[in-house]
Structures are given as structure tokens and as C-alpha cells.
Amino acid sequence: MRHAWRPLRSLVLLAACGSILGGFGTVRAAGVAALTVTVSGIKPGGVIPRAFAYCVPAKQGHVTSGPNRSPAIKWSKGPAGTASYAIIMDDPDAPTVFDTANKEGQIVPADLKRGDFYHWVLVDVPPSVTGLPEGAESTGHGGKPVGPTKYGLRGANSVGDFGRPGTKGPTGGYDGPCPPWNDAIPHHYHFGVYAVDVRSLGLSGGFTIPDALRAMQGHVLAKGEVVGVYTLNPDVAKTLGIK
């Protein structure tokens, strides 16, 4: 680590949410070609713009709701045999224990065991599509349904796991970073794009990122990713040069 709905409560519930960072990067693995992935407006290793964040810093209450717009993302064309693409965004730095998250006078320790928070999963993207415009998967707060969209098949992110008030069922689409404001470490976000050799992964309903990864097993022809960082902790922000 995966808003107009009672902001203070929601920000606490989203303690695990990570940040987004974009830029330009590739991932290489044995037998798998590389895709070049670009996230608009973000330099390699740079900090995610607040326009793409679920939470942003605030003078009172530490944080407040952010614009939560999905960033524009582009990738190079997959190799011969590419039948579709999949987009996955994951934060592996989410706390596994929330006892100290967002609590005054306490800190989420750097050595705390971390886990995954899933922010975005879109599969069955047609092979003719090699990019999504800004706002394609989120333009603000509020629940986004899972299921077919003009760009592909939208799965569930981790936000719904926190019981978003007023939302029934899984929460789909993109939801940006909202790490604990007292976390001792910055969160790293992985924007991954996969070229696969099947037009459909056969998924439906509120499928998750682990579901998508299992379905892609043995079908990935190429992949690429961009990794970035985000923090709401002002002390950590200083070390990253964030004002």
C-alpha cells in the first residue's frame, strides 16, 4: 500500500494507502520482454504530485482529502502476440498493524512489518490501447464500480476492504496515496503494465490484484513499471525535499 465520505474517518481508515509516483522505467525478467512505462508529470524517483493523491497535508488535522485524479499513463507497444494489457498499482509499504497509525504523539516505526495495499487494477485492455488519459480511472472521491469500462475490465482495490461508508460491495478504479501521516518511512508505489497473450483473463466481479496476477501466470509477454514515493509525514517530506 490501494474523500467526500466523512473525510476524517476515511483518512484514518486509509492508513495503509500509499503514494503514487511516476516517471519512466522498465522491468526486466528472464524470458519476459520490457515495456517502457511513462506516468505524466513525474520524473524517475520523484514525488507524486498532490493532484493524484487521495490525501494531502493540512495545517489542521494533519491531512485532508486530495483531488484523487488518476494520472495519465503510457506504455510502449507489446511484442508480437500481445492480445491485451493489464495495469496494476501496488504499495508494498503499507503497515500490517495499525495500532499507532495516525495517532497523536506516536509514530509508525520504520521496522514494522509491511504488506501490500492495492490501489488500481485494470485488465483486458485492448491491444490497440497504449495509454490512458488523466482522469480515466478517477476524477475525485466517491465509489467507482467494478466491471467493464471503455478502457478494459476494472477490478477492486483495497479501499473497499476498509469499509467505505455508504458504499456497498467492492470499490473499483484508481484511488491514490494516503499513507499514515506519522509513518517513519516514505511509501513506494509500483505502476506496472503487463502485455499478455490472451484477450481476456476470464475475470469478473470484484476481482483483486492477486486474482489478476494468478490469471496472468504463464501469459505475460512483457512488463514494465514505474516506482515512486509519497509521504504525509512532514519530517520525512523534508528528507525528500518536499516543501
C-alpha atoms as a PDB file:
ATOM      1  CA  MET A   1       0.000   0.000   0.000  1.00  0.00           C
ATOM      2  CA  ARG A   2      -4.578   0.802  -2.593  1.00  0.00           C
ATOM      3  CA  HIS A   3     -12.938  11.870   0.001  1.00  0.00           C
ATOM      4  CA  ALA A   4     -16.424  13.100   0.268  1.00  0.00           C
ATOM      5  CA  TRP A   5     -17.316  10.272   2.602  1.00  0.00           C
ATOM      6  CA  ARG A   6     -16.670  11.581   6.112  1.00  0.00           C
ATOM      7  CA  PRO A   7     -13.105  12.704   5.398  1.00  0.00           C
ATOM      8  CA  LEU A   8     -11.586  12.371   8.874  1.00  0.00           C
ATOM      9  CA  ARG A   9     -12.825   8.838   9.381  1.00  0.00           C
ATOM     10  CA  SER A  10     -11.900   7.826   5.871  1.00  0.00           C
ATOM     11  CA  LEU A  11      -8.375   9.156   6.186  1.00  0.00           C
ATOM     12  CA  VAL A  12      -7.862   7.093   9.320  1.00  0.00           C
ATOM     13  CA  LEU A  13      -9.273   4.004   7.661  1.00  0.00           C
ATOM     14  CA  LEU A  14      -6.938   4.531   4.751  1.00  0.00           C
ATOM     15  CA  ALA A  15      -3.845   4.497   6.939  1.00  0.00           C
ATOM     16  CA  ALA A  16      -2.295   1.922   4.672  1.00  0.00           C
ATOM     17  CA  CYS A  17      -2.791   3.822   1.481  1.00  0.00           C
ATOM     18  CA  GLY A  18       0.396   4.528  -0.321  1.00  0.00           C
ATOM     19  CA  SER A  19       1.570   7.134  -2.718  1.00  0.00           C
ATOM     20  CA  ILE A  20       1.965   7.356  -6.353  1.00  0.00           C
ATOM     21  CA  LEU A  21       4.994   8.159  -8.213  1.00  0.00           C
ATOM     22  CA  GLY A  22       5.539   8.097 -11.816  1.00  0.00           C
ATOM     23  CA  GLY A  23       8.228   8.606 -14.287  1.00  0.00           C
ATOM     24  CA  PHE A  24       9.952   6.412 -16.730  1.00  0.00           C
ATOM     25  CA  GLY A  25      11.069   2.905 -16.052  1.00  0.00           C
ATOM     26  CA  THR A  26      11.355  -0.672 -17.213  1.00  0.00           C
ATOM     27  CA  VAL A  27      11.299  -4.045 -15.552  1.00  0.00           C
ATOM     28  CA  ARG A  28      13.215  -6.968 -16.976  1.00  0.00           C
ATOM     29  CA  ALA A  29      12.945 -10.624 -16.099  1.00  0.00           C
ATOM     30  CA  ALA A  30      14.190 -13.822 -17.679  1.00  0.00           C
ATOM     31  CA  GLY A  31      12.095 -14.696 -20.714  1.00  0.00           C
ATOM     32  CA  VAL A  32       9.972 -11.549 -20.423  1.00  0.00           C
ATOM     33  CA  ALA A  33      10.473  -8.518 -22.646  1.00  0.00           C
ATOM     34  CA  ALA A  34      10.489  -4.975 -21.306  1.00  0.00           C
ATOM     35  CA  LEU A  35       7.784  -2.364 -21.724  1.00  0.00           C
ATOM     36  CA  THR A  36       8.647   1.296 -21.314  1.00  0.00           C
ATOM     37  CA  VAL A  37       6.158   2.935 -18.965  1.00  0.00           C
ATOM     38  CA  THR A  38       5.665   6.677 -18.533  1.00  0.00           C
ATOM     39  CA  VAL A  39       3.472   8.424 -15.961  1.00  0.00           C
ATOM     40  CA  SER A  40       2.802  12.010 -16.959  1.00  0.00           C
ATOM     41  CA  GLY A  41       4.286  14.796 -14.875  1.00  0.00           C
ATOM     42  CA  ILE A  42       6.509  12.610 -12.688  1.00  0.00           C
ATOM     43  CA  LYS A  43      10.238  12.245 -13.009  1.00  0.00           C
ATOM     44  CA  PRO A  44      12.012   8.964 -12.214  1.00  0.00           C
ATOM     45  CA  GLY A  45      12.235   8.612  -8.460  1.00  0.00           C
ATOM     46  CA  GLY A  46      10.318  11.836  -7.992  1.00  0.00           C
ATOM     47  CA  VAL A  47       7.435  12.548  -5.668  1.00  0.00           C
ATOM     48  CA  ILE A  48       3.878  12.095  -6.824  1.00  0.00           C
ATOM     49  CA  PRO A  49       2.020  15.331  -7.498  1.00  0.00           C
ATOM     50  CA  ARG A  50      -0.717  16.043  -4.978  1.00  0.00           C
ATOM     51  CA  ALA A  51      -3.246  16.160  -7.801  1.00  0.00           C
ATOM     52  CA  PHE A  52      -3.036  12.367  -7.905  1.00  0.00           C
ATOM     53  CA  ALA A  53      -3.180  11.797  -4.146  1.00  0.00           C
ATOM     54  CA  TYR A  54      -6.118  10.581  -2.107  1.00  0.00           C
ATOM     55  CA  CYS A  55      -4.858  12.626   0.868  1.00  0.00           C
ATOM     56  CA  VAL A  56      -2.790  15.790   1.061  1.00  0.00           C
ATOM     57  CA  PRO A  57      -1.203  17.650   4.004  1.00  0.00           C
ATOM     58  CA  ALA A  58      -3.315  20.079   6.020  1.00  0.00           C
ATOM     59  CA  LYS A  59      -2.445  22.684   8.663  1.00  0.00           C
ATOM     60  CA  GLN A  60      -5.184  21.342  10.922  1.00  0.00           C
ATOM     61  CA  GLY A  61      -5.826  17.650  11.421  1.00  0.00           C
ATOM     62  CA  HIS A  62      -2.578  16.768   9.593  1.00  0.00           C
ATOM     63  CA  VAL A  63      -4.313  15.690   6.371  1.00  0.00           C
ATOM     64  CA  THR A  64      -7.328  16.371   4.224  1.00  0.00           C
ATOM     65  CA  SER A  65      -8.851  14.913   1.082  1.00  0.00           C
ATOM     66  CA  GLY A  66      -6.862  15.305  -2.111  1.00  0.00           C
ATOM     67  CA  PRO A  67      -8.014  15.605  -5.751  1.00  0.00           C
ATOM     68  CA  ASN A  68      -7.523  11.851  -6.299  1.00  0.00           C
ATOM     69  CA  ARG A  69      -7.246  12.074 -10.079  1.00  0.00           C
ATOM     70  CA  SER A  70      -5.741   9.119 -11.887  1.00  0.00           C
ATOM     71  CA  PRO A  71      -2.573  10.171 -13.726  1.00  0.00           C
ATOM     72  CA  ALA A  72      -2.052   9.789 -17.433  1.00  0.00           C
ATOM     73  CA  ILE A  73      -0.067   6.655 -18.153  1.00  0.00           C
ATOM     74  CA  LYS A  74       1.528   5.434 -21.378  1.00  0.00           C
ATOM     75  CA  TRP A  75       3.492   2.368 -22.374  1.00  0.00           C
ATOM     76  CA  SER A  76       5.362   1.042 -25.376  1.00  0.00           C
ATOM     77  CA  LYS A  77       3.673  -1.434 -27.687  1.00  0.00           C
ATOM     78  CA  GLY A  78       3.926  -5.040 -26.579  1.00  0.00           C
ATOM     79  CA  PRO A  79       5.724  -7.730 -28.592  1.00  0.00           C
ATOM     80  CA  ALA A  80       4.131  -9.910 -31.238  1.00  0.00           C
ATOM     81  CA  GLY A  81       1.361 -11.992 -29.746  1.00  0.00           C
ATOM     82  CA  THR A  82       0.181  -9.304 -27.327  1.00  0.00           C
ATOM     83  CA  ALA A  83      -3.594  -9.709 -27.048  1.00  0.00           C
ATOM     84  CA  SER A  84      -4.264  -7.338 -24.143  1.00  0.00           C
ATOM     85  CA  TYR A  85      -2.667  -5.300 -21.372  1.00  0.00           C
ATOM     86  CA  ALA A  86      -3.130  -5.127 -17.615  1.00  0.00           C
ATOM     87  CA  ILE A  87      -2.395  -2.198 -15.293  1.00  0.00           C
ATOM     88  CA  ILE A  88      -1.634  -2.793 -11.631  1.00  0.00           C
ATOM     89  CA  MET A  89      -0.662  -0.285  -8.946  1.00  0.00           C
ATOM     90  CA  ASP A  90       0.590  -1.583  -5.603  1.00  0.00           C
ATOM     91  CA  ASP A  91       2.061  -0.101  -2.417  1.00  0.00           C
ATOM     92  CA  PRO A  92       4.193  -2.736  -0.634  1.00  0.00           C
ATOM     93  CA  ASP A  93       4.947  -0.404   2.304  1.00  0.00           C
ATOM     94  CA  ALA A  94       1.543  -0.472   3.983  1.00  0.00           C
ATOM     95  CA  PRO A  95       1.643  -1.191   7.742  1.00  0.00           C
ATOM     96  CA  THR A  96       0.443  -4.638   8.733  1.00  0.00           C
ATOM     97  CA  VAL A  97      -0.524  -3.318  12.171  1.00  0.00           C
ATOM     98  CA  PHE A  98      -2.396  -0.027  12.610  1.00  0.00           C
ATOM     99  CA  ASP A  99      -2.113   0.411  16.387  1.00  0.00           C
ATOM    100  CA  THR A 100      -0.061   3.584  16.051  1.00  0.00           C
ATOM    101  CA  ALA A 101      -1.208   4.818  12.631  1.00  0.00           C
ATOM    102  CA  ASN A 102      -2.475   8.418  12.592  1.00  0.00           C
ATOM    103  CA  LYS A 103      -2.306   8.783  16.359  1.00  0.00           C
ATOM    104  CA  GLU A 104      -1.012  11.888  18.103  1.00  0.00           C
ATOM    105  CA  GLY A 105       2.295  11.508  19.899  1.00  0.00           C
ATOM    106  CA  GLN A 106       3.057   8.184  18.245  1.00  0.00           C
ATOM    107  CA  ILE A 107       4.857   7.017  15.123  1.00  0.00           C
ATOM    108  CA  VAL A 108       4.592   4.061  12.794  1.00  0.00           C
ATOM    109  CA  PRO A 109       8.087   2.601  13.214  1.00  0.00           C
ATOM    110  CA  ALA A 110      10.314   2.057  10.219  1.00  0.00           C
ATOM    111  CA  ASP A 111      10.999  -1.554  11.202  1.00  0.00           C
ATOM    112  CA  LEU A 112       7.322  -2.513  11.353  1.00  0.00           C
ATOM    113  CA  LYS A 113       6.447  -5.426   9.074  1.00  0.00           C
ATOM    114  CA  ARG A 114       4.927  -4.124   5.846  1.00  0.00           C
ATOM    115  CA  GLY A 115       2.417  -5.533   3.392  1.00  0.00           C
ATOM    116  CA  ASP A 116       0.605  -4.733   0.157  1.00  0.00           C
ATOM    117  CA  PHE A 117      -2.130  -2.184  -0.378  1.00  0.00           C
ATOM    118  CA  TYR A 118      -3.699  -2.357  -3.823  1.00  0.00           C
ATOM    119  CA  HIS A 119      -4.610   0.929  -5.470  1.00  0.00           C
ATOM    120  CA  TRP A 120      -5.625   0.063  -9.012  1.00  0.00           C
ATOM    121  CA  VAL A 121      -6.218  -2.912 -11.273  1.00  0.00           C
ATOM    122  CA  LEU A 122      -7.444  -2.766 -14.873  1.00  0.00           C
ATOM    123  CA  VAL A 123      -7.220  -5.810 -17.147  1.00  0.00           C
ATOM    124  CA  ASP A 124      -8.329  -6.861 -20.637  1.00  0.00           C
ATOM    125  CA  VAL A 125      -7.147  -3.522 -22.039  1.00  0.00           C
ATOM    126  CA  PRO A 126      -7.335  -3.871 -25.855  1.00  0.00           C
ATOM    127  CA  PRO A 127      -4.004  -4.295 -27.670  1.00  0.00           C
ATOM    128  CA  SER A 128      -4.697  -1.118 -29.678  1.00  0.00           C
ATOM    129  CA  VAL A 129      -4.598   0.950 -26.454  1.00  0.00           C
ATOM    130  CA  THR A 130      -1.154   2.059 -25.246  1.00  0.00           C
ATOM    131  CA  GLY A 131      -2.143   4.770 -22.813  1.00  0.00           C
ATOM    132  CA  LEU A 132      -4.868   6.239 -20.625  1.00  0.00           C
ATOM    133  CA  PRO A 133      -5.524   9.966 -20.224  1.00  0.00           C
ATOM    134  CA  GLU A 134      -5.520  11.730 -16.880  1.00  0.00           C
ATOM    135  CA  GLY A 135      -8.756  11.151 -15.024  1.00  0.00           C
ATOM    136  CA  ALA A 136      -9.635   7.991 -16.947  1.00  0.00           C
ATOM    137  CA  GLU A 137      -9.968   5.906 -13.772  1.00  0.00           C
ATOM    138  CA  SER A 138     -10.733   8.576 -11.177  1.00  0.00           C
ATOM    139  CA  THR A 139     -11.646  12.257 -11.126  1.00  0.00           C
ATOM    140  CA  GLY A 140     -12.217  12.639  -7.394  1.00  0.00           C
ATOM    141  CA  HIS A 141     -13.785  10.971  -4.417  1.00  0.00           C
ATOM    142  CA  GLY A 142     -16.699   8.590  -4.337  1.00  0.00           C
ATOM    143  CA  GLY A 143     -17.123   4.934  -5.133  1.00  0.00           C
ATOM    144  CA  LYS A 144     -16.229   3.684  -8.589  1.00  0.00           C
ATOM    145  CA  PRO A 145     -17.897   0.473  -9.714  1.00  0.00           C
ATOM    146  CA  VAL A 146     -16.028  -2.618 -10.797  1.00  0.00           C
ATOM    147  CA  GLY A 147     -16.736  -4.143 -14.186  1.00  0.00           C
ATOM    148  CA  PRO A 148     -16.356  -3.219 -17.876  1.00  0.00           C
ATOM    149  CA  THR A 149     -15.233   0.287 -18.840  1.00  0.00           C
ATOM    150  CA  LYS A 150     -14.259   1.911 -22.138  1.00  0.00           C
ATOM    151  CA  TYR A 151     -10.619   1.026 -21.424  1.00  0.00           C
ATOM    152  CA  GLY A 152     -10.893  -2.501 -20.040  1.00  0.00           C
ATOM    153  CA  LEU A 153     -12.202  -4.540 -17.127  1.00  0.00           C
ATOM    154  CA  ARG A 154     -11.948  -2.770 -13.786  1.00  0.00           C
ATOM    155  CA  GLY A 155     -11.225  -4.758 -10.640  1.00  0.00           C
ATOM    156  CA  ALA A 156     -11.366  -3.941  -6.932  1.00  0.00           C
ATOM    157  CA  ASN A 157      -8.748  -2.022  -4.979  1.00  0.00           C
ATOM    158  CA  SER A 158      -8.050  -2.264  -1.252  1.00  0.00           C
ATOM    159  CA  VAL A 159     -10.110   0.783  -0.276  1.00  0.00           C
ATOM    160  CA  GLY A 160     -13.281  -1.293  -0.050  1.00  0.00           C
ATOM    161  CA  ASP A 161     -11.564  -3.554   2.495  1.00  0.00           C
ATOM    162  CA  PHE A 162     -11.725  -0.660   4.939  1.00  0.00           C
ATOM    163  CA  GLY A 163     -15.495  -0.433   4.834  1.00  0.00           C
ATOM    164  CA  ARG A 164     -16.013   2.821   2.980  1.00  0.00           C
ATOM    165  CA  PRO A 165     -19.190   4.400   4.456  1.00  0.00           C
ATOM    166  CA  GLY A 166     -22.127   4.490   2.067  1.00  0.00           C
ATOM    167  CA  THR A 167     -20.533   2.067  -0.369  1.00  0.00           C
ATOM    168  CA  LYS A 168     -21.817  -1.441  -0.889  1.00  0.00           C
ATOM    169  CA  GLY A 169     -19.622  -4.054  -2.451  1.00  0.00           C
ATOM    170  CA  PRO A 170     -16.092  -3.670  -3.835  1.00  0.00           C
ATOM    171  CA  THR A 171     -14.509  -0.328  -4.711  1.00  0.00           C
ATOM    172  CA  GLY A 172     -13.025  -0.183  -8.178  1.00  0.00           C
ATOM    173  CA  GLY A 173     -10.818   2.047 -10.256  1.00  0.00           C
ATOM    174  CA  TYR A 174      -7.951   4.181  -9.084  1.00  0.00           C
ATOM    175  CA  ASP A 175      -7.563   5.512  -5.550  1.00  0.00           C
ATOM    176  CA  GLY A 176      -4.357   7.376  -4.819  1.00  0.00           C
ATOM    177  CA  PRO A 177      -1.960   7.616  -1.885  1.00  0.00           C
ATOM    178  CA  CYS A 178      -2.940   8.245   1.705  1.00  0.00           C
ATOM    179  CA  PRO A 179      -0.181   6.826   3.919  1.00  0.00           C
ATOM    180  CA  PRO A 180      -0.310   7.398   7.693  1.00  0.00           C
ATOM    181  CA  TRP A 181       0.749  10.956   8.460  1.00  0.00           C
ATOM    182  CA  ASN A 182       3.003   9.628  11.227  1.00  0.00           C
ATOM    183  CA  ASP A 183       4.753   6.900   9.236  1.00  0.00           C
ATOM    184  CA  ALA A 184       8.532   6.917   9.649  1.00  0.00           C
ATOM    185  CA  ILE A 185       9.141   5.839   6.052  1.00  0.00           C
ATOM    186  CA  PRO A 186       8.027   7.059   2.632  1.00  0.00           C
ATOM    187  CA  HIS A 187       5.813   4.687   0.681  1.00  0.00           C
ATOM    188  CA  HIS A 188       6.878   3.307  -2.689  1.00  0.00           C
ATOM    189  CA  TYR A 189       4.342   2.855  -5.425  1.00  0.00           C
ATOM    190  CA  HIS A 190       4.643   0.487  -8.323  1.00  0.00           C
ATOM    191  CA  PHE A 191       2.781   1.302 -11.536  1.00  0.00           C
ATOM    192  CA  GLY A 192       3.031  -1.916 -13.504  1.00  0.00           C
ATOM    193  CA  VAL A 193       1.883  -2.592 -17.064  1.00  0.00           C
ATOM    194  CA  TYR A 194       1.777  -6.146 -18.409  1.00  0.00           C
ATOM    195  CA  ALA A 195       1.436  -7.335 -22.003  1.00  0.00           C
ATOM    196  CA  VAL A 196      -0.328 -10.699 -22.036  1.00  0.00           C
ATOM    197  CA  ASP A 197      -1.061 -13.242 -24.738  1.00  0.00           C
ATOM    198  CA  VAL A 198      -4.811 -13.621 -24.103  1.00  0.00           C
ATOM    199  CA  ARG A 199      -7.557 -11.143 -24.925  1.00  0.00           C
ATOM    200  CA  SER A 200      -9.372 -11.863 -21.671  1.00  0.00           C
ATOM    201  CA  LEU A 201      -8.077 -13.147 -18.334  1.00  0.00           C
ATOM    202  CA  GLY A 202     -11.504 -14.616 -17.620  1.00  0.00           C
ATOM    203  CA  LEU A 203     -12.055 -12.490 -14.513  1.00  0.00           C
ATOM    204  CA  SER A 204     -15.312 -10.940 -13.335  1.00  0.00           C
ATOM    205  CA  GLY A 205     -16.988  -9.250 -10.401  1.00  0.00           C
ATOM    206  CA  GLY A 206     -14.827  -7.711  -7.707  1.00  0.00           C
ATOM    207  CA  PHE A 207     -11.619  -9.476  -8.680  1.00  0.00           C
ATOM    208  CA  THR A 208      -8.456  -8.276  -6.961  1.00  0.00           C
ATOM    209  CA  ILE A 209      -4.822  -7.778  -7.904  1.00  0.00           C
ATOM    210  CA  PRO A 210      -3.846 -11.214  -6.549  1.00  0.00           C
ATOM    211  CA  ASP A 211      -6.632 -12.689  -8.716  1.00  0.00           C
ATOM    212  CA  ALA A 212      -5.247 -10.867 -11.757  1.00  0.00           C
ATOM    213  CA  LEU A 213      -1.681 -11.965 -11.078  1.00  0.00           C
ATOM    214  CA  ARG A 214      -2.763 -15.581 -10.765  1.00  0.00           C
ATOM    215  CA  ALA A 215      -4.731 -15.337 -14.014  1.00  0.00           C
ATOM    216  CA  MET A 216      -1.715 -13.835 -15.810  1.00  0.00           C
ATOM    217  CA  GLN A 217       0.611 -16.617 -14.700  1.00  0.00           C
ATOM    218  CA  GLY A 218       2.252 -18.085 -17.816  1.00  0.00           C
ATOM    219  CA  HIS A 219       0.711 -15.448 -20.101  1.00  0.00           C
ATOM    220  CA  VAL A 220       2.989 -12.429 -19.591  1.00  0.00           C
ATOM    221  CA  LEU A 221       4.992 -11.494 -22.699  1.00  0.00           C
ATOM    222  CA  ALA A 222       6.391  -8.203 -21.434  1.00  0.00           C
ATOM    223  CA  LYS A 223       6.149  -5.906 -18.451  1.00  0.00           C
ATOM    224  CA  GLY A 224       7.335  -2.546 -17.252  1.00  0.00           C
ATOM    225  CA  GLU A 225       6.883  -0.396 -14.195  1.00  0.00           C
ATOM    226  CA  VAL A 226       7.430   2.997 -12.679  1.00  0.00           C
ATOM    227  CA  VAL A 227       8.166   3.285  -8.966  1.00  0.00           C
ATOM    228  CA  GLY A 228       7.727   6.433  -6.942  1.00  0.00           C
ATOM    229  CA  VAL A 229       7.368   7.673  -3.377  1.00  0.00           C
ATOM    230  CA  TYR A 230       4.940   9.695  -1.286  1.00  0.00           C
ATOM    231  CA  THR A 231       4.639  10.743   2.328  1.00  0.00           C
ATOM    232  CA  LEU A 232       2.341  12.792   4.541  1.00  0.00           C
ATOM    233  CA  ASN A 233       4.867  12.924   7.380  1.00  0.00           C
ATOM    234  CA  PRO A 234       6.415  16.430   7.305  1.00  0.00           C
ATOM    235  CA  ASP A 235       9.690  15.202   8.793  1.00  0.00           C
ATOM    236  CA  VAL A 236      10.043  12.529   6.118  1.00  0.00           C
ATOM    237  CA  ALA A 237       8.972  15.031   3.468  1.00  0.00           C
ATOM    238  CA  LYS A 238      11.955  17.233   4.372  1.00  0.00           C
ATOM    239  CA  THR A 239      14.356  14.377   3.662  1.00  0.00           C
ATOM    240  CA  LEU A 240      12.760  14.021   0.216  1.00  0.00           C
ATOM    241  CA  GLY A 241      12.968  17.745  -0.479  1.00  0.00           C
ATOM    242  CA  ILE A 242       9.201  18.216  -0.320  1.00  0.00           C
ATOM    243  CA  LYS A 243       8.026  21.600   0.908  1.00  0.00           C
END
